[in-house]
Amino acid sequence: MNSTVLIIIAIVVVVFLIFGVLQWLSDRTYKPTISEVVGILETCRDGRLSLGEFDEFSCVRIAYDPRLDTIREKFNQIVDDKENIDGNFSREDATALNDIGKGKIGQLIEELQQLQA
């Protein structure tokens, strides 16, 4: 084999290893508790969820607790559905939920509170 091909293969392997390690680390660093997730959802329902909080909660998998990650996925379905949005996004209100969306977030909060009990 040509040495250039071997170098390219080595670079590709190293890149995949780096991304694998970074994914593994991120799965272990974001560990919100049930109470913290309830707080995030309450902040969202109240129209005060910042863009940074929204990004972290909606994008980072909660690998250590599949129940919380299921709630996160349901949250994403709610905020992605145009039926639940009033369209007035801001840095202070990253989700801009209407009353329908806020009601659905309230249901998620109740679901989490039952897990806590």
PDB file of N, CA and C in Angstrom:
ATOM      1  N   MET A   1       0.826  -1.191   0.000  1.00  0.00           N
ATOM      2  CA  MET A   1       0.000   0.000   0.000  1.00  0.00           C
ATOM      3  C   MET A   1       0.863   1.244   0.000  1.00  0.00           C
ATOM      4  N   ASN A   2       0.335   2.230  -0.589  1.00  0.00           N
ATOM      5  CA  ASN A   2       1.010   3.510  -0.663  1.00  0.00           C
ATOM      6  C   ASN A   2       1.035   4.152   0.723  1.00  0.00           C
ATOM      7  N   SER A   3       2.133   4.814   1.085  1.00  0.00           N
ATOM      8  CA  SER A   3       2.241   5.426   2.417  1.00  0.00           C
ATOM      9  C   SER A   3       1.238   6.562   2.599  1.00  0.00           C
ATOM     10  N   THR A   4       0.854   7.230   1.531  1.00  0.00           N
ATOM     11  CA  THR A   4      -0.144   8.299   1.620  1.00  0.00           C
ATOM     12  C   THR A   4      -1.500   7.738   2.046  1.00  0.00           C
ATOM     13  N   VAL A   5      -1.861   6.584   1.509  1.00  0.00           N
ATOM     14  CA  VAL A   5      -3.122   5.945   1.867  1.00  0.00           C
ATOM     15  C   VAL A   5      -3.108   5.543   3.337  1.00  0.00           C
ATOM     16  N   LEU A   6      -1.988   5.009   3.802  1.00  0.00           N
ATOM     17  CA  LEU A   6      -1.877   4.628   5.208  1.00  0.00           C
ATOM     18  C   LEU A   6      -1.995   5.840   6.131  1.00  0.00           C
ATOM     19  N   ILE A   7      -1.413   6.942   5.739  1.00  0.00           N
ATOM     20  CA  ILE A   7      -1.499   8.164   6.539  1.00  0.00           C
ATOM     21  C   ILE A   7      -2.943   8.651   6.603  1.00  0.00           C
ATOM     22  N   ILE A   8      -3.642   8.622   5.476  1.00  0.00           N
ATOM     23  CA  ILE A   8      -5.046   9.054   5.440  1.00  0.00           C
ATOM     24  C   ILE A   8      -5.903   8.144   6.322  1.00  0.00           C
ATOM     25  N   ILE A   9      -5.680   6.849   6.241  1.00  0.00           N
ATOM     26  CA  ILE A   9      -6.429   5.902   7.080  1.00  0.00           C
ATOM     27  C   ILE A   9      -6.152   6.178   8.553  1.00  0.00           C
ATOM     28  N   ALA A  10      -4.893   6.427   8.897  1.00  0.00           N
ATOM     29  CA  ALA A  10      -4.527   6.714  10.285  1.00  0.00           C
ATOM     30  C   ALA A  10      -5.214   7.989  10.774  1.00  0.00           C
ATOM     31  N   ILE A  11      -5.267   9.017   9.939  1.00  0.00           N
ATOM     32  CA  ILE A  11      -5.915  10.274  10.307  1.00  0.00           C
ATOM     33  C   ILE A  11      -7.409  10.057  10.547  1.00  0.00           C
ATOM     34  N   VAL A  12      -8.045   9.303   9.667  1.00  0.00           N
ATOM     35  CA  VAL A  12      -9.478   9.023   9.809  1.00  0.00           C
ATOM     36  C   VAL A  12      -9.745   8.266  11.106  1.00  0.00           C
ATOM     37  N   VAL A  13      -8.924   7.278  11.410  1.00  0.00           N
ATOM     38  CA  VAL A  13      -9.091   6.505  12.643  1.00  0.00           C
ATOM     39  C   VAL A  13      -8.928   7.412  13.861  1.00  0.00           C
ATOM     40  N   VAL A  14      -7.922   8.274  13.854  1.00  0.00           N
ATOM     41  CA  VAL A  14      -7.691   9.184  14.975  1.00  0.00           C
ATOM     42  C   VAL A  14      -8.876  10.135  15.152  1.00  0.00           C
ATOM     43  N   VAL A  15      -9.403  10.658  14.067  1.00  0.00           N
ATOM     44  CA  VAL A  15     -10.560  11.562  14.151  1.00  0.00           C
ATOM     45  C   VAL A  15     -11.757  10.838  14.758  1.00  0.00           C
ATOM     46  N   PHE A  16     -12.044   9.625  14.321  1.00  0.00           N
ATOM     47  CA  PHE A  16     -13.153   8.855  14.883  1.00  0.00           C
ATOM     48  C   PHE A  16     -12.934   8.566  16.366  1.00  0.00           C
ATOM     49  N   LEU A  17     -11.714   8.266  16.746  1.00  0.00           N
ATOM     50  CA  LEU A  17     -11.414   8.031  18.162  1.00  0.00           C
ATOM     51  C   LEU A  17     -11.638   9.289  18.994  1.00  0.00           C
ATOM     52  N   ILE A  18     -11.201  10.425  18.478  1.00  0.00           N
ATOM     53  CA  ILE A  18     -11.383  11.689  19.199  1.00  0.00           C
ATOM     54  C   ILE A  18     -12.864  11.963  19.402  1.00  0.00           C
ATOM     55  N   PHE A  19     -13.662  11.837  18.332  1.00  0.00           N
ATOM     56  CA  PHE A  19     -15.097  12.086  18.457  1.00  0.00           C
ATOM     57  C   PHE A  19     -15.771  11.071  19.378  1.00  0.00           C
ATOM     58  N   GLY A  20     -15.315   9.845  19.354  1.00  0.00           N
ATOM     59  CA  GLY A  20     -15.866   8.837  20.255  1.00  0.00           C
ATOM     60  C   GLY A  20     -15.605   9.175  21.708  1.00  0.00           C
ATOM     61  N   VAL A  21     -14.392   9.597  22.010  1.00  0.00           N
ATOM     62  CA  VAL A  21     -14.039   9.974  23.380  1.00  0.00           C
ATOM     63  C   VAL A  21     -14.835  11.207  23.811  1.00  0.00           C
ATOM     64  N   LEU A  22     -14.950  12.193  22.933  1.00  0.00           N
ATOM     65  CA  LEU A  22     -15.715  13.394  23.272  1.00  0.00           C
ATOM     66  C   LEU A  22     -17.187  13.062  23.529  1.00  0.00           C
ATOM     67  N   GLN A  23     -17.771  12.176  22.737  1.00  0.00           N
ATOM     68  CA  GLN A  23     -19.163  11.757  22.962  1.00  0.00           C
ATOM     69  C   GLN A  23     -19.283  11.044  24.300  1.00  0.00           C
ATOM     70  N   TRP A  24     -18.349  10.178  24.592  1.00  0.00           N
ATOM     71  CA  TRP A  24     -18.357   9.453  25.860  1.00  0.00           C
ATOM     72  C   TRP A  24     -18.275  10.429  27.036  1.00  0.00           C
ATOM     73  N   LEU A  25     -17.411  11.435  26.939  1.00  0.00           N
ATOM     74  CA  LEU A  25     -17.271  12.424  28.003  1.00  0.00           C
ATOM     75  C   LEU A  25     -18.537  13.258  28.152  1.00  0.00           C
ATOM     76  N   SER A  26     -19.139  13.656  27.047  1.00  0.00           N
ATOM     77  CA  SER A  26     -20.344  14.491  27.137  1.00  0.00           C
ATOM     78  C   SER A  26     -21.502  13.709  27.740  1.00  0.00           C
ATOM     79  N   ASP A  27     -21.583  12.425  27.451  1.00  0.00           N
ATOM     80  CA  ASP A  27     -22.638  11.593  28.040  1.00  0.00           C
ATOM     81  C   ASP A  27     -22.500  11.525  29.552  1.00  0.00           C
ATOM     82  N   ARG A  28     -21.309  11.684  30.058  1.00  0.00           N
ATOM     83  CA  ARG A  28     -21.078  11.540  31.477  1.00  0.00           C
ATOM     84  C   ARG A  28     -21.037  12.882  32.215  1.00  0.00           C
ATOM     85  N   THR A  29     -21.001  13.987  31.508  1.00  0.00           N
ATOM     86  CA  THR A  29     -20.907  15.276  32.186  1.00  0.00           C
ATOM     87  C   THR A  29     -22.255  15.939  32.378  1.00  0.00           C
ATOM     88  N   TYR A  30     -23.256  15.636  31.555  1.00  0.00           N
ATOM     89  CA  TYR A  30     -24.573  16.250  31.712  1.00  0.00           C
ATOM     90  C   TYR A  30     -25.469  15.288  32.465  1.00  0.00           C
ATOM     91  N   LYS A  31     -25.628  15.538  33.757  1.00  0.00           N
ATOM     92  CA  LYS A  31     -26.408  14.638  34.604  1.00  0.00           C
ATOM     93  C   LYS A  31     -27.412  15.426  35.443  1.00  0.00           C
ATOM     94  N   PRO A  32     -28.415  16.015  34.806  1.00  0.00           N
ATOM     95  CA  PRO A  32     -29.399  16.746  35.599  1.00  0.00           C
ATOM     96  C   PRO A  32     -30.244  15.775  36.419  1.00  0.00           C
ATOM     97  N   THR A  33     -30.613  16.209  37.609  1.00  0.00           N
ATOM     98  CA  THR A  33     -31.490  15.413  38.459  1.00  0.00           C
ATOM     99  C   THR A  33     -32.941  15.631  38.022  1.00  0.00           C
ATOM    100  N   ILE A  34     -33.834  14.837  38.587  1.00  0.00           N
ATOM    101  CA  ILE A  34     -35.258  15.027  38.291  1.00  0.00           C
ATOM    102  C   ILE A  34     -35.675  16.440  38.687  1.00  0.00           C
ATOM    103  N   SER A  35     -35.231  16.903  39.832  1.00  0.00           N
ATOM    104  CA  SER A  35     -35.576  18.257  40.299  1.00  0.00           C
ATOM    105  C   SER A  35     -35.061  19.328  39.334  1.00  0.00           C
ATOM    106  N   GLU A  36     -33.863  19.128  38.820  1.00  0.00           N
ATOM    107  CA  GLU A  36     -33.307  20.101  37.873  1.00  0.00           C
ATOM    108  C   GLU A  36     -34.098  20.111  36.570  1.00  0.00           C
ATOM    109  N   VAL A  37     -34.514  18.941  36.101  1.00  0.00           N
ATOM    110  CA  VAL A  37     -35.307  18.880  34.878  1.00  0.00           C
ATOM    111  C   VAL A  37     -36.669  19.527  35.111  1.00  0.00           C
ATOM    112  N   VAL A  38     -37.267  19.282  36.274  1.00  0.00           N
ATOM    113  CA  VAL A  38     -38.526  19.960  36.615  1.00  0.00           C
ATOM    114  C   VAL A  38     -38.320  21.469  36.573  1.00  0.00           C
ATOM    115  N   GLY A  39     -37.221  21.944  37.140  1.00  0.00           N
ATOM    116  CA  GLY A  39     -36.910  23.379  37.126  1.00  0.00           C
ATOM    117  C   GLY A  39     -36.774  23.925  35.718  1.00  0.00           C
ATOM    118  N   ILE A  40     -36.114  23.188  34.847  1.00  0.00           N
ATOM    119  CA  ILE A  40     -35.959  23.614  33.454  1.00  0.00           C
ATOM    120  C   ILE A  40     -37.326  23.703  32.783  1.00  0.00           C
ATOM    121  N   LEU A  41     -38.155  22.695  32.999  1.00  0.00           N
ATOM    122  CA  LEU A  41     -39.482  22.683  32.380  1.00  0.00           C
ATOM    123  C   LEU A  41     -40.368  23.795  32.945  1.00  0.00           C
ATOM    124  N   GLU A  42     -40.283  24.054  34.247  1.00  0.00           N
ATOM    125  CA  GLU A  42     -41.056  25.154  34.836  1.00  0.00           C
ATOM    126  C   GLU A  42     -40.605  26.494  34.278  1.00  0.00           C
ATOM    127  N   THR A  43     -39.301  26.666  34.119  1.00  0.00           N
ATOM    128  CA  THR A  43     -38.772  27.891  33.537  1.00  0.00           C
ATOM    129  C   THR A  43     -39.281  28.066  32.105  1.00  0.00           C
ATOM    130  N   CYS A  44     -39.316  26.972  31.370  1.00  0.00           N
ATOM    131  CA  CYS A  44     -39.832  26.996  30.000  1.00  0.00           C
ATOM    132  C   CYS A  44     -41.308  27.374  29.990  1.00  0.00           C
ATOM    133  N   ARG A  45     -42.083  26.722  30.835  1.00  0.00           N
ATOM    134  CA  ARG A  45     -43.525  26.984  30.898  1.00  0.00           C
ATOM    135  C   ARG A  45     -43.808  28.440  31.269  1.00  0.00           C
ATOM    136  N   ASP A  46     -42.919  29.013  32.102  1.00  0.00           N
ATOM    137  CA  ASP A  46     -43.093  30.395  32.537  1.00  0.00           C
ATOM    138  C   ASP A  46     -42.561  31.403  31.521  1.00  0.00           C
ATOM    139  N   GLY A  47     -42.008  30.909  30.404  1.00  0.00           N
ATOM    140  CA  GLY A  47     -41.511  31.803  29.356  1.00  0.00           C
ATOM    141  C   GLY A  47     -40.181  32.453  29.665  1.00  0.00           C
ATOM    142  N   ARG A  48     -39.354  31.776  30.460  1.00  0.00           N
ATOM    143  CA  ARG A  48     -38.071  32.351  30.860  1.00  0.00           C
ATOM    144  C   ARG A  48     -36.881  31.460  30.532  1.00  0.00           C
ATOM    145  N   LEU A  49     -37.055  30.491  29.647  1.00  0.00           N
ATOM    146  CA  LEU A  49     -35.962  29.570  29.318  1.00  0.00           C
ATOM    147  C   LEU A  49     -35.015  30.250  28.326  1.00  0.00           C
ATOM    148  N   SER A  50     -33.792  30.484  28.765  1.00  0.00           N
ATOM    149  CA  SER A  50     -32.817  31.166  27.910  1.00  0.00           C
ATOM    150  C   SER A  50     -32.367  30.260  26.771  1.00  0.00           C
ATOM    151  N   LEU A  51     -31.776  30.870  25.782  1.00  0.00           N
ATOM    152  CA  LEU A  51     -31.292  30.114  24.629  1.00  0.00           C
ATOM    153  C   LEU A  51     -30.234  29.088  25.030  1.00  0.00           C
ATOM    154  N   GLY A  52     -29.331  29.455  25.949  1.00  0.00           N
ATOM    155  CA  GLY A  52     -28.294  28.525  26.403  1.00  0.00           C
ATOM    156  C   GLY A  52     -28.885  27.327  27.136  1.00  0.00           C
ATOM    157  N   GLU A  53     -29.842  27.593  28.016  1.00  0.00           N
ATOM    158  CA  GLU A  53     -30.505  26.501  28.746  1.00  0.00           C
ATOM    159  C   GLU A  53     -31.271  25.600  27.782  1.00  0.00           C
ATOM    160  N   PHE A  54     -31.934  26.230  26.825  1.00  0.00           N
ATOM    161  CA  PHE A  54     -32.682  25.469  25.820  1.00  0.00           C
ATOM    162  C   PHE A  54     -31.746  24.567  25.019  1.00  0.00           C
ATOM    163  N   ASP A  55     -30.644  25.136  24.550  1.00  0.00           N
ATOM    164  CA  ASP A  55     -29.688  24.356  23.755  1.00  0.00           C
ATOM    165  C   ASP A  55     -29.160  23.158  24.536  1.00  0.00           C
ATOM    166  N   GLU A  56     -28.765  23.400  25.772  1.00  0.00           N
ATOM    167  CA  GLU A  56     -28.198  22.308  26.561  1.00  0.00           C
ATOM    168  C   GLU A  56     -29.231  21.202  26.783  1.00  0.00           C
ATOM    169  N   PHE A  57     -30.431  21.576  27.220  1.00  0.00           N
ATOM    170  CA  PHE A  57     -31.430  20.569  27.542  1.00  0.00           C
ATOM    171  C   PHE A  57     -31.929  19.844  26.300  1.00  0.00           C
ATOM    172  N   SER A  58     -32.160  20.577  25.228  1.00  0.00           N
ATOM    173  CA  SER A  58     -32.745  19.938  24.045  1.00  0.00           C
ATOM    174  C   SER A  58     -31.733  19.127  23.241  1.00  0.00           C
ATOM    175  N   CYS A  59     -30.461  19.491  23.323  1.00  0.00           N
ATOM    176  CA  CYS A  59     -29.468  18.857  22.448  1.00  0.00           C
ATOM    177  C   CYS A  59     -28.623  17.773  23.117  1.00  0.00           C
ATOM    178  N   VAL A  60     -28.455  17.844  24.432  1.00  0.00           N
ATOM    179  CA  VAL A  60     -27.538  16.919  25.097  1.00  0.00           C
ATOM    180  C   VAL A  60     -28.336  15.768  25.705  1.00  0.00           C
ATOM    181  N   ARG A  61     -28.011  14.599  25.247  1.00  0.00           N
ATOM    182  CA  ARG A  61     -28.672  13.383  25.728  1.00  0.00           C
ATOM    183  C   ARG A  61     -28.414  13.186  27.219  1.00  0.00           C
ATOM    184  N   ILE A  62     -29.418  12.704  27.940  1.00  0.00           N
ATOM    185  CA  ILE A  62     -29.269  12.387  29.363  1.00  0.00           C
ATOM    186  C   ILE A  62     -29.027  10.881  29.435  1.00  0.00           C
ATOM    187  N   ALA A  63     -27.779  10.516  29.248  1.00  0.00           N
ATOM    188  CA  ALA A  63     -27.422   9.111  29.052  1.00  0.00           C
ATOM    189  C   ALA A  63     -27.578   8.265  30.307  1.00  0.00           C
ATOM    190  N   TYR A  64     -27.429   8.865  31.475  1.00  0.00           N
ATOM    191  CA  TYR A  64     -27.432   8.060  32.693  1.00  0.00           C
ATOM    192  C   TYR A  64     -28.835   7.657  33.145  1.00  0.00           C
ATOM    193  N   ASP A  65     -29.877   8.342  32.634  1.00  0.00           N
ATOM    194  CA  ASP A  65     -31.244   8.041  33.070  1.00  0.00           C
ATOM    195  C   ASP A  65     -32.185   8.063  31.871  1.00  0.00           C
ATOM    196  N   PRO A  66     -32.532   6.904  31.343  1.00  0.00           N
ATOM    197  CA  PRO A  66     -33.401   6.848  30.159  1.00  0.00           C
ATOM    198  C   PRO A  66     -34.767   7.493  30.384  1.00  0.00           C
ATOM    199  N   ARG A  67     -35.257   7.497  31.620  1.00  0.00           N
ATOM    200  CA  ARG A  67     -36.554   8.141  31.902  1.00  0.00           C
ATOM    201  C   ARG A  67     -36.465   9.642  31.661  1.00  0.00           C
ATOM    202  N   LEU A  68     -35.386  10.260  32.135  1.00  0.00           N
ATOM    203  CA  LEU A  68     -35.203  11.696  31.927  1.00  0.00           C
ATOM    204  C   LEU A  68     -34.946  12.007  30.452  1.00  0.00           C
ATOM    205  N   ASP A  69     -34.232  11.121  29.775  1.00  0.00           N
ATOM    206  CA  ASP A  69     -33.980  11.356  28.363  1.00  0.00           C
ATOM    207  C   ASP A  69     -35.273  11.236  27.556  1.00  0.00           C
ATOM    208  N   THR A  70     -36.184  10.365  27.987  1.00  0.00           N
ATOM    209  CA  THR A  70     -37.490  10.270  27.327  1.00  0.00           C
ATOM    210  C   THR A  70     -38.269  11.571  27.509  1.00  0.00           C
ATOM    211  N   ILE A  71     -38.198  12.154  28.692  1.00  0.00           N
ATOM    212  CA  ILE A  71     -38.838  13.457  28.935  1.00  0.00           C
ATOM    213  C   ILE A  71     -38.217  14.515  28.034  1.00  0.00           C
ATOM    214  N   ARG A  72     -36.894  14.486  27.907  1.00  0.00           N
ATOM    215  CA  ARG A  72     -36.194  15.449  27.042  1.00  0.00           C
ATOM    216  C   ARG A  72     -36.658  15.296  25.594  1.00  0.00           C
ATOM    217  N   GLU A  73     -36.824  14.050  25.143  1.00  0.00           N
ATOM    218  CA  GLU A  73     -37.293  13.812  23.776  1.00  0.00           C
ATOM    219  C   GLU A  73     -38.733  14.302  23.592  1.00  0.00           C
ATOM    220  N   LYS A  74     -39.580  14.086  24.594  1.00  0.00           N
ATOM    221  CA  LYS A  74     -40.960  14.596  24.526  1.00  0.00           C
ATOM    222  C   LYS A  74     -40.958  16.126  24.485  1.00  0.00           C
ATOM    223  N   PHE A  75     -40.066  16.740  25.282  1.00  0.00           N
ATOM    224  CA  PHE A  75     -39.908  18.187  25.265  1.00  0.00           C
ATOM    225  C   PHE A  75     -39.577  18.665  23.856  1.00  0.00           C
ATOM    226  N   ASN A  76     -38.625  17.986  23.215  1.00  0.00           N
ATOM    227  CA  ASN A  76     -38.237  18.363  21.858  1.00  0.00           C
ATOM    228  C   ASN A  76     -39.402  18.249  20.882  1.00  0.00           C
ATOM    229  N   GLN A  77     -40.231  17.223  21.037  1.00  0.00           N
ATOM    230  CA  GLN A  77     -41.400  17.082  20.172  1.00  0.00           C
ATOM    231  C   GLN A  77     -42.366  18.245  20.372  1.00  0.00           C
ATOM    232  N   ILE A  78     -42.529  18.675  21.614  1.00  0.00           N
ATOM    233  CA  ILE A  78     -43.434  19.793  21.908  1.00  0.00           C
ATOM    234  C   ILE A  78     -42.916  21.081  21.279  1.00  0.00           C
ATOM    235  N   VAL A  79     -41.638  21.386  21.494  1.00  0.00           N
ATOM    236  CA  VAL A  79     -41.109  22.666  20.995  1.00  0.00           C
ATOM    237  C   VAL A  79     -40.890  22.653  19.491  1.00  0.00           C
ATOM    238  N   ASP A  80     -40.886  21.471  18.867  1.00  0.00           N
ATOM    239  CA  ASP A  80     -40.743  21.390  17.411  1.00  0.00           C
ATOM    240  C   ASP A  80     -42.083  21.449  16.688  1.00  0.00           C
ATOM    241  N   ASP A  81     -43.181  21.318  17.417  1.00  0.00           N
ATOM    242  CA  ASP A  81     -44.512  21.306  16.816  1.00  0.00           C
ATOM    243  C   ASP A  81     -45.043  22.739  16.733  1.00  0.00           C
ATOM    244  N   LYS A  82     -45.294  23.207  15.521  1.00  0.00           N
ATOM    245  CA  LYS A  82     -45.744  24.591  15.311  1.00  0.00           C
ATOM    246  C   LYS A  82     -47.066  24.885  16.000  1.00  0.00           C
ATOM    247  N   GLU A  83     -47.860  23.855  16.271  1.00  0.00           N
ATOM    248  CA  GLU A  83     -49.133  24.036  16.982  1.00  0.00           C
ATOM    249  C   GLU A  83     -48.905  24.595  18.383  1.00  0.00           C
ATOM    250  N   ASN A  84     -47.717  24.370  18.950  1.00  0.00           N
ATOM    251  CA  ASN A  84     -47.423  24.764  20.327  1.00  0.00           C
ATOM    252  C   ASN A  84     -46.672  26.082  20.455  1.00  0.00           C
ATOM    253  N   ILE A  85     -46.389  26.739  19.350  1.00  0.00           N
ATOM    254  CA  ILE A  85     -45.523  27.917  19.343  1.00  0.00           C
ATOM    255  C   ILE A  85     -46.326  29.165  18.981  1.00  0.00           C
ATOM    256  N   ASP A  86     -46.030  30.284  19.672  1.00  0.00           N
ATOM    257  CA  ASP A  86     -46.683  31.531  19.289  1.00  0.00           C
ATOM    258  C   ASP A  86     -45.805  32.393  18.386  1.00  0.00           C
ATOM    259  N   GLY A  87     -44.534  32.030  18.244  1.00  0.00           N
ATOM    260  CA  GLY A  87     -43.666  32.696  17.272  1.00  0.00           C
ATOM    261  C   GLY A  87     -42.887  33.887  17.765  1.00  0.00           C
ATOM    262  N   ASN A  88     -42.992  34.269  19.013  1.00  0.00           N
ATOM    263  CA  ASN A  88     -42.282  35.430  19.537  1.00  0.00           C
ATOM    264  C   ASN A  88     -41.043  35.015  20.317  1.00  0.00           C
ATOM    265  N   PHE A  89     -40.068  34.452  19.608  1.00  0.00           N
ATOM    266  CA  PHE A  89     -38.841  33.975  20.246  1.00  0.00           C
ATOM    267  C   PHE A  89     -37.977  35.150  20.685  1.00  0.00           C
ATOM    268  N   SER A  90     -37.228  34.943  21.767  1.00  0.00           N
ATOM    269  CA  SER A  90     -36.268  35.949  22.219  1.00  0.00           C
ATOM    270  C   SER A  90     -35.149  35.238  22.965  1.00  0.00           C
ATOM    271  N   ARG A  91     -34.113  35.957  23.326  1.00  0.00           N
ATOM    272  CA  ARG A  91     -33.020  35.358  24.099  1.00  0.00           C
ATOM    273  C   ARG A  91     -33.515  34.892  25.465  1.00  0.00           C
ATOM    274  N   GLU A  92     -34.516  35.598  25.999  1.00  0.00           N
ATOM    275  CA  GLU A  92     -35.051  35.259  27.319  1.00  0.00           C
ATOM    276  C   GLU A  92     -36.118  34.174  27.251  1.00  0.00           C
ATOM    277  N   ASP A  93     -36.710  33.968  26.081  1.00  0.00           N
ATOM    278  CA  ASP A  93     -37.746  32.947  25.908  1.00  0.00           C
ATOM    279  C   ASP A  93     -37.469  32.205  24.607  1.00  0.00           C
ATOM    280  N   ALA A  94     -36.635  31.195  24.707  1.00  0.00           N
ATOM    281  CA  ALA A  94     -36.159  30.476  23.517  1.00  0.00           C
ATOM    282  C   ALA A  94     -37.213  29.568  22.906  1.00  0.00           C
ATOM    283  N   THR A  95     -38.284  29.277  23.645  1.00  0.00           N
ATOM    284  CA  THR A  95     -39.285  28.348  23.124  1.00  0.00           C
ATOM    285  C   THR A  95     -40.542  29.031  22.625  1.00  0.00           C
ATOM    286  N   ALA A  96     -40.912  30.158  23.205  1.00  0.00           N
ATOM    287  CA  ALA A  96     -42.092  30.925  22.788  1.00  0.00           C
ATOM    288  C   ALA A  96     -43.338  30.048  22.664  1.00  0.00           C
ATOM    289  N   LEU A  97     -43.631  29.321  23.722  1.00  0.00           N
ATOM    290  CA  LEU A  97     -44.784  28.421  23.702  1.00  0.00           C
ATOM    291  C   LEU A  97     -46.090  29.184  23.897  1.00  0.00           C
ATOM    292  N   ASN A  98     -47.123  28.715  23.217  1.00  0.00           N
ATOM    293  CA  ASN A  98     -48.460  29.249  23.448  1.00  0.00           C
ATOM    294  C   ASN A  98     -49.100  28.449  24.590  1.00  0.00           C
ATOM    295  N   ASP A  99     -50.385  28.702  24.852  1.00  0.00           N
ATOM    296  CA  ASP A  99     -51.047  28.022  25.971  1.00  0.00           C
ATOM    297  C   ASP A  99     -51.108  26.506  25.775  1.00  0.00           C
ATOM    298  N   ILE A 100     -51.261  26.060  24.537  1.00  0.00           N
ATOM    299  CA  ILE A 100     -51.290  24.609  24.266  1.00  0.00           C
ATOM    300  C   ILE A 100     -49.942  23.989  24.634  1.00  0.00           C
ATOM    301  N   GLY A 101     -48.862  24.608  24.163  1.00  0.00           N
ATOM    302  CA  GLY A 101     -47.521  24.103  24.462  1.00  0.00           C
ATOM    303  C   GLY A 101     -47.207  24.145  25.937  1.00  0.00           C
ATOM    304  N   LYS A 102     -47.616  25.221  26.612  1.00  0.00           N
ATOM    305  CA  LYS A 102     -47.384  25.329  28.057  1.00  0.00           C
ATOM    306  C   LYS A 102     -48.141  24.239  28.805  1.00  0.00           C
ATOM    307  N   GLY A 103     -49.337  23.919  28.333  1.00  0.00           N
ATOM    308  CA  GLY A 103     -50.098  22.833  28.952  1.00  0.00           C
ATOM    309  C   GLY A 103     -49.397  21.496  28.801  1.00  0.00           C
ATOM    310  N   LYS A 104     -48.815  21.255  27.641  1.00  0.00           N
ATOM    311  CA  LYS A 104     -48.092  19.999  27.413  1.00  0.00           C
ATOM    312  C   LYS A 104     -46.833  19.932  28.270  1.00  0.00           C
ATOM    313  N   ILE A 105     -46.163  21.061  28.449  1.00  0.00           N
ATOM    314  CA  ILE A 105     -44.997  21.100  29.335  1.00  0.00           C
ATOM    315  C   ILE A 105     -45.447  20.824  30.765  1.00  0.00           C
ATOM    316  N   GLY A 106     -46.602  21.356  31.147  1.00  0.00           N
ATOM    317  CA  GLY A 106     -47.157  21.079  32.475  1.00  0.00           C
ATOM    318  C   GLY A 106     -47.396  19.591  32.687  1.00  0.00           C
ATOM    319  N   GLN A 107     -47.836  18.899  31.643  1.00  0.00           N
ATOM    320  CA  GLN A 107     -48.034  17.448  31.741  1.00  0.00           C
ATOM    321  C   GLN A 107     -46.710  16.722  31.961  1.00  0.00           C
ATOM    322  N   LEU A 108     -45.651  17.197  31.295  1.00  0.00           N
ATOM    323  CA  LEU A 108     -44.323  16.600  31.510  1.00  0.00           C
ATOM    324  C   LEU A 108     -43.863  16.813  32.955  1.00  0.00           C
ATOM    325  N   ILE A 109     -44.146  18.001  33.488  1.00  0.00           N
ATOM    326  CA  ILE A 109     -43.771  18.292  34.878  1.00  0.00           C
ATOM    327  C   ILE A 109     -44.492  17.329  35.820  1.00  0.00           C
ATOM    328  N   GLU A 110     -45.789  17.127  35.583  1.00  0.00           N
ATOM    329  CA  GLU A 110     -46.548  16.190  36.417  1.00  0.00           C
ATOM    330  C   GLU A 110     -45.976  14.777  36.314  1.00  0.00           C
ATOM    331  N   GLU A 111     -45.596  14.385  35.111  1.00  0.00           N
ATOM    332  CA  GLU A 111     -45.008  13.053  34.903  1.00  0.00           C
ATOM    333  C   GLU A 111     -43.720  12.901  35.712  1.00  0.00           C
ATOM    334  N   LEU A 112     -42.911  13.939  35.697  1.00  0.00           N
ATOM    335  CA  LEU A 112     -41.654  13.907  36.472  1.00  0.00           C
ATOM    336  C   LEU A 112     -41.916  13.898  37.976  1.00  0.00           C
ATOM    337  N   GLN A 113     -42.890  14.659  38.413  1.00  0.00           N
ATOM    338  CA  GLN A 113     -43.190  14.684  39.835  1.00  0.00           C
ATOM    339  C   GLN A 113     -43.671  13.340  40.330  1.00  0.00           C
ATOM    340  N   GLN A 114     -44.344  12.577  39.474  1.00  0.00           N
ATOM    341  CA  GLN A 114     -44.746  11.224  39.839  1.00  0.00           C
ATOM    342  C   GLN A 114     -43.531  10.306  39.965  1.00  0.00           C
ATOM    343  N   LEU A 115     -42.515  10.544  39.143  1.00  0.00           N
ATOM    344  CA  LEU A 115     -41.273   9.762  39.249  1.00  0.00           C
ATOM    345  C   LEU A 115     -40.564  10.050  40.566  1.00  0.00           C
ATOM    346  N   GLN A 116     -40.677  11.298  41.025  1.00  0.00           N
ATOM    347  CA  GLN A 116     -40.013  11.702  42.256  1.00  0.00           C
ATOM    348  C   GLN A 116     -40.663  11.097  43.485  1.00  0.00           C
ATOM    349  N   ALA A 117     -41.962  10.879  43.401  1.00  0.00           N
ATOM    350  CA  ALA A 117     -42.709  10.402  44.575  1.00  0.00           C
ATOM    351  C   ALA A 117     -42.375   8.986  44.945  1.00  0.00           C
TER     352      ALA A 117
END
